[in-house]
N, C-alpha and C. Protein backbone atom coordinates (compact mmCIF):
# COMPACT_ATOMS: atom_id res chain seq x y z
N UNK A 1 -143.58 -45.24 -16.88
CA UNK A 1 -142.55 -45.89 -17.06
C UNK A 1 -141.30 -45.10 -17.16
N UNK A 2 -140.14 -45.69 -16.50
CA UNK A 2 -138.87 -44.85 -16.38
C UNK A 2 -138.10 -45.03 -17.46
N UNK A 3 -136.83 -44.46 -17.32
CA UNK A 3 -135.77 -44.92 -18.29
C UNK A 3 -134.89 -45.92 -17.55
N UNK A 4 -134.71 -47.05 -18.32
CA UNK A 4 -133.79 -48.08 -17.71
C UNK A 4 -132.37 -47.45 -17.77
N UNK A 5 -131.73 -47.28 -16.64
CA UNK A 5 -130.32 -46.86 -16.75
C UNK A 5 -129.29 -47.95 -16.22
N UNK A 6 -128.28 -48.44 -17.00
CA UNK A 6 -127.42 -49.26 -16.54
C UNK A 6 -125.97 -48.95 -16.36
N UNK A 7 -125.48 -48.98 -15.23
CA UNK A 7 -123.90 -48.48 -14.73
C UNK A 7 -123.21 -49.92 -14.99
N UNK A 8 -122.29 -49.84 -16.02
CA UNK A 8 -121.22 -50.84 -16.12
C UNK A 8 -119.98 -50.35 -15.29
N UNK A 9 -119.84 -50.83 -14.22
CA UNK A 9 -118.60 -50.41 -13.38
C UNK A 9 -117.29 -51.15 -13.50
N UNK A 10 -116.56 -50.65 -14.21
CA UNK A 10 -115.11 -51.29 -14.40
C UNK A 10 -114.22 -50.73 -13.30
N UNK A 11 -114.35 -49.35 -12.89
CA UNK A 11 -113.74 -48.69 -11.98
C UNK A 11 -114.67 -48.01 -11.06
N UNK A 12 -114.78 -48.36 -9.89
CA UNK A 12 -115.67 -47.76 -8.75
C UNK A 12 -115.34 -46.45 -8.42
N UNK A 13 -115.93 -45.54 -8.58
CA UNK A 13 -115.73 -44.12 -8.16
C UNK A 13 -115.86 -44.17 -6.52
N UNK A 14 -114.84 -44.30 -5.85
CA UNK A 14 -114.78 -44.09 -4.38
C UNK A 14 -115.59 -43.15 -3.76
N UNK A 15 -116.44 -43.66 -2.91
CA UNK A 15 -117.31 -42.57 -2.14
C UNK A 15 -118.42 -41.97 -2.91
N UNK A 16 -118.69 -42.42 -3.94
CA UNK A 16 -119.80 -41.97 -4.90
C UNK A 16 -121.16 -42.63 -5.02
N UNK A 17 -122.18 -42.06 -4.62
CA UNK A 17 -123.34 -42.86 -4.57
C UNK A 17 -123.90 -42.93 -6.24
N UNK A 18 -123.68 -44.22 -6.73
CA UNK A 18 -124.28 -44.30 -8.19
C UNK A 18 -125.68 -44.22 -8.23
N UNK A 19 -126.37 -44.55 -7.14
CA UNK A 19 -127.98 -44.29 -7.08
C UNK A 19 -128.31 -42.93 -7.36
N UNK A 20 -127.44 -42.02 -6.86
CA UNK A 20 -127.89 -40.56 -6.95
C UNK A 20 -127.51 -40.06 -8.31
N UNK A 21 -126.56 -40.63 -9.03
CA UNK A 21 -126.12 -40.53 -10.48
C UNK A 21 -127.33 -41.03 -11.37
N UNK A 22 -127.83 -41.87 -11.00
CA UNK A 22 -128.90 -42.78 -11.70
C UNK A 22 -130.15 -41.78 -11.78
N UNK A 23 -130.57 -41.13 -10.53
CA UNK A 23 -131.60 -40.30 -10.37
C UNK A 23 -131.33 -39.10 -11.24
N UNK A 24 -130.13 -38.41 -11.22
CA UNK A 24 -129.96 -37.46 -12.06
C UNK A 24 -130.01 -37.60 -13.54
N UNK A 25 -129.40 -38.94 -13.79
CA UNK A 25 -129.67 -39.21 -15.34
C UNK A 25 -131.14 -39.25 -15.60
N UNK A 26 -131.77 -39.75 -14.71
CA UNK A 26 -133.35 -39.92 -15.25
C UNK A 26 -133.95 -38.73 -15.45
N UNK A 27 -133.55 -37.55 -14.36
CA UNK A 27 -134.16 -36.47 -14.39
C UNK A 27 -133.55 -35.51 -15.77
N UNK A 28 -132.47 -35.79 -16.24
CA UNK A 28 -132.10 -35.26 -17.50
C UNK A 28 -132.77 -35.64 -18.67
N UNK A 29 -132.89 -37.07 -18.52
CA UNK A 29 -133.52 -37.59 -19.86
C UNK A 29 -135.21 -37.33 -19.87
N UNK A 30 -135.55 -37.21 -18.73
CA UNK A 30 -137.01 -36.84 -18.64
C UNK A 30 -137.19 -35.29 -18.97
N UNK A 31 -136.29 -34.35 -18.57
CA UNK A 31 -136.24 -33.12 -18.95
C UNK A 31 -135.98 -32.78 -20.33
N UNK A 32 -135.05 -33.65 -21.13
CA UNK A 32 -134.88 -33.34 -22.50
C UNK A 32 -135.71 -34.17 -23.37
N UNK A 33 -136.85 -34.74 -22.76
CA UNK A 33 -138.07 -35.29 -23.41
C UNK A 33 -137.75 -36.47 -24.13
N UNK A 34 -136.90 -37.25 -23.55
CA UNK A 34 -136.47 -38.76 -24.09
C UNK A 34 -137.73 -39.60 -23.62
N UNK A 35 -138.24 -40.39 -24.65
CA UNK A 35 -139.47 -41.11 -24.39
C UNK A 35 -139.12 -42.16 -23.07
N UNK A 36 -140.24 -42.40 -22.36
CA UNK A 36 -140.29 -43.30 -21.29
C UNK A 36 -139.83 -44.75 -21.97
N UNK A 37 -139.07 -45.42 -21.29
CA UNK A 37 -138.55 -46.78 -21.54
C UNK A 37 -137.44 -46.83 -22.37
N UNK A 38 -136.87 -45.55 -23.09
CA UNK A 38 -135.49 -45.67 -23.70
C UNK A 38 -134.44 -45.64 -22.62
N UNK A 39 -133.46 -46.60 -22.69
CA UNK A 39 -132.62 -46.89 -21.96
C UNK A 39 -131.21 -46.05 -22.34
N UNK A 40 -130.31 -46.10 -21.28
CA UNK A 40 -128.98 -45.48 -21.15
C UNK A 40 -128.04 -46.44 -20.54
N UNK A 41 -126.75 -46.67 -21.20
CA UNK A 41 -125.78 -47.37 -20.45
C UNK A 41 -124.65 -46.27 -20.40
N UNK A 42 -124.11 -46.36 -18.95
CA UNK A 42 -123.02 -45.57 -18.43
C UNK A 42 -121.82 -46.33 -17.89
N UNK A 43 -120.70 -46.31 -18.56
CA UNK A 43 -119.55 -47.15 -18.42
C UNK A 43 -118.48 -46.29 -17.46
N UNK A 44 -118.20 -46.64 -16.32
CA UNK A 44 -117.09 -45.99 -15.36
C UNK A 44 -115.93 -46.82 -15.65
N UNK A 45 -114.86 -45.97 -16.28
CA UNK A 45 -113.67 -47.06 -16.73
C UNK A 45 -112.45 -46.11 -16.40
N UNK A 46 -111.23 -46.41 -17.06
CA UNK A 46 -109.94 -45.99 -16.87
C UNK A 46 -109.59 -45.02 -18.28
N UNK A 47 -108.60 -44.39 -17.94
CA UNK A 47 -108.08 -43.47 -19.00
C UNK A 47 -107.70 -44.20 -20.31
N UNK A 48 -107.11 -45.52 -20.18
CA UNK A 48 -106.60 -46.22 -21.20
C UNK A 48 -107.94 -46.49 -22.16
N UNK A 49 -108.82 -46.92 -21.47
CA UNK A 49 -110.02 -47.39 -22.30
C UNK A 49 -110.72 -46.00 -23.08
N UNK A 50 -110.60 -45.03 -22.32
CA UNK A 50 -111.34 -43.78 -23.05
C UNK A 50 -110.30 -43.38 -24.19
N UNK A 51 -109.08 -43.46 -23.91
CA UNK A 51 -108.02 -43.11 -25.10
C UNK A 51 -108.36 -44.00 -26.24
N UNK A 52 -108.52 -45.39 -25.94
CA UNK A 52 -108.70 -46.46 -27.06
C UNK A 52 -109.92 -46.08 -27.74
N UNK A 53 -111.09 -45.74 -27.04
CA UNK A 53 -112.51 -45.49 -27.67
C UNK A 53 -112.10 -44.11 -28.51
N UNK A 54 -111.53 -43.15 -28.10
CA UNK A 54 -111.53 -41.98 -28.61
C UNK A 54 -110.59 -42.02 -29.87
N UNK A 55 -109.55 -42.97 -29.78
CA UNK A 55 -108.92 -43.03 -30.97
C UNK A 55 -109.57 -43.87 -32.05
N UNK A 56 -110.30 -44.95 -31.80
CA UNK A 56 -110.94 -45.81 -32.58
C UNK A 56 -112.22 -45.23 -33.18
N UNK A 57 -113.00 -44.20 -32.43
CA UNK A 57 -114.13 -43.75 -32.95
C UNK A 57 -114.13 -42.32 -33.53
N UNK A 58 -113.16 -41.45 -32.92
CA UNK A 58 -113.17 -40.15 -33.21
C UNK A 58 -111.70 -39.63 -33.89
N UNK A 59 -110.95 -40.84 -33.92
CA UNK A 59 -109.53 -40.61 -34.52
C UNK A 59 -108.64 -39.50 -33.72
N UNK A 60 -108.80 -39.51 -32.45
CA UNK A 60 -108.13 -38.78 -31.45
C UNK A 60 -107.44 -39.46 -30.58
N UNK A 61 -106.00 -39.66 -30.67
CA UNK A 61 -105.30 -40.55 -30.03
C UNK A 61 -104.69 -40.04 -28.71
N UNK A 62 -105.91 -39.72 -27.69
CA UNK A 62 -105.53 -38.90 -26.44
C UNK A 62 -106.65 -39.53 -25.47
N UNK A 63 -106.54 -39.49 -24.30
CA UNK A 63 -107.51 -39.66 -23.12
C UNK A 63 -108.53 -38.53 -23.15
N UNK A 64 -109.63 -38.83 -22.65
CA UNK A 64 -110.51 -37.71 -22.46
C UNK A 64 -111.49 -38.10 -21.16
N UNK A 65 -112.39 -37.16 -20.75
CA UNK A 65 -112.95 -37.31 -19.49
C UNK A 65 -114.44 -37.99 -19.97
N UNK A 66 -115.15 -37.87 -20.83
CA UNK A 66 -116.36 -38.55 -21.23
C UNK A 66 -116.39 -38.52 -22.60
N UNK A 67 -117.04 -39.57 -23.30
CA UNK A 67 -117.44 -39.86 -24.49
C UNK A 67 -118.95 -40.44 -24.75
N UNK A 68 -119.62 -39.88 -25.56
CA UNK A 68 -120.98 -40.36 -25.62
C UNK A 68 -121.15 -40.92 -27.19
N UNK A 69 -121.82 -42.23 -27.18
CA UNK A 69 -122.05 -42.94 -28.40
C UNK A 69 -123.47 -43.05 -28.38
N UNK A 70 -124.15 -42.29 -29.53
CA UNK A 70 -125.67 -42.40 -29.66
C UNK A 70 -125.78 -43.92 -30.30
N UNK A 71 -126.97 -44.36 -29.86
CA UNK A 71 -127.52 -45.64 -30.36
C UNK A 71 -127.49 -45.53 -32.15
N UNK A 72 -127.37 -46.40 -32.78
CA UNK A 72 -127.13 -46.46 -34.29
C UNK A 72 -128.69 -46.41 -34.51
N UNK A 73 -129.09 -45.25 -35.16
CA UNK A 73 -130.46 -45.37 -35.37
C UNK A 73 -130.98 -46.31 -36.65
N UNK A 74 -130.10 -46.86 -37.41
CA UNK A 74 -130.45 -47.51 -38.48
C UNK A 74 -130.32 -49.10 -38.02
N UNK A 75 -129.83 -49.42 -36.80
CA UNK A 75 -129.92 -50.71 -36.27
C UNK A 75 -131.27 -51.13 -35.85
N UNK A 76 -131.89 -52.13 -36.45
CA UNK A 76 -133.27 -52.60 -36.07
C UNK A 76 -133.12 -53.41 -34.74
N UNK A 77 -134.19 -52.90 -34.08
CA UNK A 77 -134.49 -53.58 -32.79
C UNK A 77 -134.98 -54.95 -32.80
N UNK A 78 -134.39 -55.75 -32.10
CA UNK A 78 -135.00 -57.22 -32.10
C UNK A 78 -136.14 -57.16 -31.32
N UNK A 79 -137.13 -58.04 -31.48
CA UNK A 79 -138.39 -58.07 -30.68
C UNK A 79 -138.17 -58.32 -29.21
N UNK A 80 -138.62 -57.33 -28.47
CA UNK A 80 -138.63 -57.34 -27.00
C UNK A 80 -137.28 -56.61 -26.55
N UNK A 81 -136.58 -55.88 -27.36
CA UNK A 81 -135.42 -55.29 -26.96
C UNK A 81 -135.68 -53.99 -26.70
N UNK A 82 -135.06 -53.36 -25.61
CA UNK A 82 -135.25 -52.20 -25.10
C UNK A 82 -134.65 -51.14 -26.03
N UNK A 83 -135.33 -50.04 -26.53
CA UNK A 83 -134.64 -48.80 -27.35
C UNK A 83 -133.80 -48.32 -26.39
N UNK A 84 -132.60 -47.78 -26.94
CA UNK A 84 -131.54 -47.38 -26.26
C UNK A 84 -131.08 -45.91 -26.85
N UNK A 85 -130.92 -44.87 -26.10
CA UNK A 85 -130.47 -43.55 -26.40
C UNK A 85 -128.88 -43.67 -26.74
N UNK A 86 -128.34 -44.44 -26.05
CA UNK A 86 -126.87 -44.75 -26.39
C UNK A 86 -126.09 -45.08 -25.18
N UNK A 87 -124.72 -44.81 -25.27
CA UNK A 87 -123.74 -45.13 -24.16
C UNK A 87 -123.06 -43.99 -23.81
N UNK A 88 -122.54 -43.96 -22.51
CA UNK A 88 -121.63 -42.72 -22.11
C UNK A 88 -120.50 -43.57 -21.45
N UNK A 89 -119.31 -43.18 -21.87
CA UNK A 89 -118.22 -43.66 -21.16
C UNK A 89 -117.45 -42.54 -20.42
N UNK A 90 -117.09 -42.79 -19.16
CA UNK A 90 -116.56 -41.89 -18.27
C UNK A 90 -115.17 -42.33 -17.49
N UNK A 91 -114.20 -41.64 -17.76
CA UNK A 91 -112.72 -42.00 -17.18
C UNK A 91 -112.92 -41.44 -15.67
N UNK A 92 -112.90 -42.34 -14.81
CA UNK A 92 -112.82 -42.11 -13.36
C UNK A 92 -111.72 -41.53 -12.82
N UNK A 93 -110.34 -42.04 -13.32
CA UNK A 93 -109.22 -41.41 -12.90
C UNK A 93 -109.12 -39.84 -13.46
N UNK A 94 -109.69 -39.51 -14.77
CA UNK A 94 -109.67 -38.21 -15.19
C UNK A 94 -110.61 -37.26 -14.36
N UNK A 95 -111.77 -37.91 -14.00
CA UNK A 95 -112.79 -37.23 -13.09
C UNK A 95 -112.08 -36.91 -11.93
N UNK A 96 -111.46 -37.75 -11.26
CA UNK A 96 -110.68 -37.60 -9.91
C UNK A 96 -109.75 -36.33 -10.08
N UNK A 97 -108.97 -36.47 -11.19
CA UNK A 97 -108.04 -35.32 -11.33
C UNK A 97 -108.79 -34.02 -11.55
N UNK A 98 -109.77 -34.00 -12.22
CA UNK A 98 -110.39 -32.81 -12.51
C UNK A 98 -111.20 -32.19 -11.32
N UNK A 99 -111.62 -33.18 -10.40
CA UNK A 99 -112.40 -32.74 -9.15
C UNK A 99 -111.24 -32.09 -8.40
N UNK A 100 -110.13 -32.57 -8.35
CA UNK A 100 -109.04 -32.01 -7.47
C UNK A 100 -108.63 -30.88 -7.82
N UNK A 101 -108.46 -30.64 -9.24
CA UNK A 101 -108.01 -29.32 -9.94
C UNK A 101 -109.08 -28.18 -9.59
N UNK A 102 -110.50 -28.56 -9.61
CA UNK A 102 -111.55 -27.71 -9.38
C UNK A 102 -112.01 -27.53 -7.79
N UNK A 103 -111.30 -28.56 -7.18
CA UNK A 103 -111.53 -28.40 -5.76
C UNK A 103 -113.06 -28.78 -5.34
N UNK A 104 -113.61 -29.64 -5.88
CA UNK A 104 -115.05 -29.94 -5.68
C UNK A 104 -115.24 -31.55 -5.60
N UNK A 105 -116.11 -32.05 -4.98
CA UNK A 105 -116.10 -33.44 -4.61
C UNK A 105 -116.35 -34.24 -6.03
N UNK A 106 -115.83 -35.57 -6.07
CA UNK A 106 -115.83 -36.41 -7.16
C UNK A 106 -117.29 -36.59 -7.70
N UNK A 107 -118.18 -36.52 -6.74
CA UNK A 107 -119.63 -36.86 -7.16
C UNK A 107 -120.17 -35.77 -7.92
N UNK A 108 -119.71 -34.70 -7.73
CA UNK A 108 -119.95 -33.35 -8.54
C UNK A 108 -119.34 -33.52 -9.96
N UNK A 109 -118.30 -33.75 -9.89
CA UNK A 109 -117.50 -33.88 -11.26
C UNK A 109 -118.18 -34.87 -12.22
N UNK A 110 -118.60 -36.16 -11.46
CA UNK A 110 -119.21 -37.28 -12.30
C UNK A 110 -120.66 -36.62 -12.78
N UNK A 111 -121.28 -35.96 -11.66
CA UNK A 111 -122.42 -35.67 -12.12
C UNK A 111 -122.41 -34.66 -13.47
N UNK A 112 -121.38 -33.67 -13.53
CA UNK A 112 -121.32 -32.94 -14.60
C UNK A 112 -121.13 -33.81 -15.90
N UNK A 113 -120.10 -34.69 -15.69
CA UNK A 113 -119.64 -35.47 -16.86
C UNK A 113 -120.90 -36.40 -17.37
N UNK A 114 -121.67 -37.06 -16.49
CA UNK A 114 -122.88 -37.62 -16.82
C UNK A 114 -123.81 -36.84 -17.62
N UNK A 115 -124.20 -35.57 -16.91
CA UNK A 115 -125.04 -34.72 -17.69
C UNK A 115 -124.59 -34.12 -19.07
N UNK A 116 -123.31 -33.76 -19.08
CA UNK A 116 -122.79 -33.44 -20.31
C UNK A 116 -122.92 -34.52 -21.31
N UNK A 117 -122.68 -35.81 -21.16
CA UNK A 117 -122.62 -36.78 -22.10
C UNK A 117 -124.01 -37.12 -22.49
N UNK A 118 -125.17 -36.88 -21.53
CA UNK A 118 -126.51 -37.35 -22.05
C UNK A 118 -126.94 -36.12 -22.77
N UNK A 119 -126.55 -34.86 -22.64
CA UNK A 119 -126.97 -33.91 -23.51
C UNK A 119 -126.24 -33.98 -24.79
N UNK A 120 -125.09 -34.56 -25.07
CA UNK A 120 -124.53 -34.84 -26.44
C UNK A 120 -125.35 -35.87 -27.03
N UNK A 121 -125.77 -36.89 -26.31
CA UNK A 121 -126.71 -38.01 -26.80
C UNK A 121 -128.13 -37.35 -27.32
N UNK A 122 -128.50 -36.30 -26.72
CA UNK A 122 -129.80 -35.61 -27.18
C UNK A 122 -129.62 -34.59 -28.26
N UNK A 123 -128.40 -34.49 -28.85
CA UNK A 123 -128.12 -33.56 -29.82
C UNK A 123 -127.27 -32.38 -29.57
N UNK A 124 -127.01 -31.97 -28.44
CA UNK A 124 -126.18 -30.83 -28.20
C UNK A 124 -124.86 -30.98 -28.54
N UNK A 125 -124.27 -29.97 -28.88
CA UNK A 125 -122.91 -30.08 -29.50
C UNK A 125 -121.95 -28.74 -29.12
N UNK A 126 -121.57 -28.68 -27.91
CA UNK A 126 -120.56 -27.36 -27.44
C UNK A 126 -119.45 -27.01 -28.60
N UNK A 127 -119.07 -28.13 -29.02
CA UNK A 127 -117.98 -28.07 -30.07
C UNK A 127 -118.14 -27.15 -31.21
N UNK A 128 -119.55 -26.83 -31.62
CA UNK A 128 -119.94 -26.07 -32.52
C UNK A 128 -119.66 -24.44 -32.30
N UNK A 129 -119.61 -24.29 -31.02
CA UNK A 129 -119.12 -23.13 -30.32
C UNK A 129 -120.52 -22.00 -30.35
N UNK A 130 -120.19 -20.93 -30.13
CA UNK A 130 -121.27 -19.77 -30.08
C UNK A 130 -122.34 -20.05 -29.31
N UNK A 131 -123.59 -19.89 -30.30
CA UNK A 131 -125.05 -20.17 -29.51
C UNK A 131 -125.12 -21.54 -29.18
N UNK A 132 -124.66 -22.36 -29.83
CA UNK A 132 -124.77 -23.82 -29.67
C UNK A 132 -124.21 -24.34 -28.06
N UNK A 133 -122.89 -23.80 -28.00
CA UNK A 133 -122.28 -23.97 -26.84
C UNK A 133 -123.04 -23.30 -25.77
N UNK A 134 -123.70 -22.15 -25.92
CA UNK A 134 -124.27 -21.36 -24.79
C UNK A 134 -125.51 -22.12 -24.40
N UNK A 135 -126.09 -22.78 -25.52
CA UNK A 135 -127.32 -23.46 -25.18
C UNK A 135 -127.14 -24.66 -24.48
N UNK A 136 -126.12 -25.31 -24.69
CA UNK A 136 -125.78 -26.77 -24.02
C UNK A 136 -125.23 -26.26 -22.68
N UNK A 137 -124.53 -25.24 -22.33
CA UNK A 137 -124.00 -24.86 -20.99
C UNK A 137 -125.28 -24.50 -20.14
N UNK A 138 -126.12 -23.75 -20.87
CA UNK A 138 -127.58 -23.47 -20.12
C UNK A 138 -128.16 -24.77 -19.62
N UNK A 139 -128.43 -25.71 -20.56
CA UNK A 139 -129.17 -26.86 -20.16
C UNK A 139 -128.19 -27.66 -18.84
N UNK A 140 -126.96 -27.69 -19.00
CA UNK A 140 -126.07 -28.24 -17.87
C UNK A 140 -126.56 -27.52 -16.61
N UNK A 141 -126.64 -26.03 -16.66
CA UNK A 141 -126.75 -25.42 -15.44
C UNK A 141 -128.12 -25.83 -14.86
N UNK A 142 -129.36 -25.83 -15.73
CA UNK A 142 -130.49 -26.44 -15.42
C UNK A 142 -130.54 -27.36 -14.44
N UNK A 143 -129.74 -28.51 -15.00
CA UNK A 143 -129.67 -29.63 -14.27
C UNK A 143 -128.81 -29.72 -12.89
N UNK A 144 -127.78 -29.01 -13.21
CA UNK A 144 -126.57 -29.20 -12.10
C UNK A 144 -126.71 -28.14 -11.16
N UNK A 145 -127.42 -27.14 -11.43
CA UNK A 145 -127.58 -25.77 -10.41
C UNK A 145 -126.21 -25.23 -10.05
N UNK A 146 -126.09 -25.44 -8.92
CA UNK A 146 -124.89 -24.75 -8.31
C UNK A 146 -123.59 -25.60 -7.95
N UNK A 147 -123.31 -26.70 -8.79
CA UNK A 147 -122.27 -27.66 -8.65
C UNK A 147 -121.17 -26.77 -9.24
N UNK A 148 -120.11 -26.49 -8.35
CA UNK A 148 -119.00 -25.82 -8.66
C UNK A 148 -118.21 -26.37 -9.88
N UNK A 149 -117.70 -25.54 -10.80
CA UNK A 149 -116.98 -26.10 -11.86
C UNK A 149 -117.60 -26.63 -13.14
N UNK A 150 -119.02 -26.87 -12.97
CA UNK A 150 -119.50 -27.35 -14.17
C UNK A 150 -119.66 -26.53 -15.42
N UNK A 151 -119.68 -25.17 -15.24
CA UNK A 151 -119.52 -24.09 -16.30
C UNK A 151 -118.24 -24.15 -17.20
N UNK A 152 -117.21 -24.96 -16.85
CA UNK A 152 -116.19 -25.01 -17.46
C UNK A 152 -116.19 -25.88 -18.90
N UNK A 153 -117.18 -26.64 -18.98
CA UNK A 153 -117.24 -27.55 -20.21
C UNK A 153 -116.68 -28.86 -20.04
N UNK A 154 -116.85 -29.53 -20.77
CA UNK A 154 -116.17 -31.09 -20.74
C UNK A 154 -116.06 -31.67 -22.08
N UNK A 155 -115.35 -32.94 -21.99
CA UNK A 155 -115.32 -33.67 -23.33
C UNK A 155 -115.19 -33.38 -24.57
């Protein structure tokens, strides 16, 4: 059994193969030891939505590129409901700007943001700095390989 991955597309990332991002997400989930059958939801949206989410849940009234929201562990699953790792929200306009700044394809930027978000859901936290940031960066490099610009961190 694989990981059910649901893309909720409010803004279509132009010229990006979402199926390839879904394959990448599955590879990261498997590589991080996430149990088979655990779902992931990915929202592609706008800066305003990310700013609203960032303000409401993190108290930061500013847009950002990616946010990760783990599934509340204490919420009991209803019978037949699929367990979920959580949700990732990505700002497509911010991803477009960052891809232009780094001079790489939008697909590469979205791959980085998606991987970064999944790693946050798996417990990595680059904001702790030092060894933890290096550990998260190493995991990103494992999944992203030579994608230009991914080493600069996100979200």
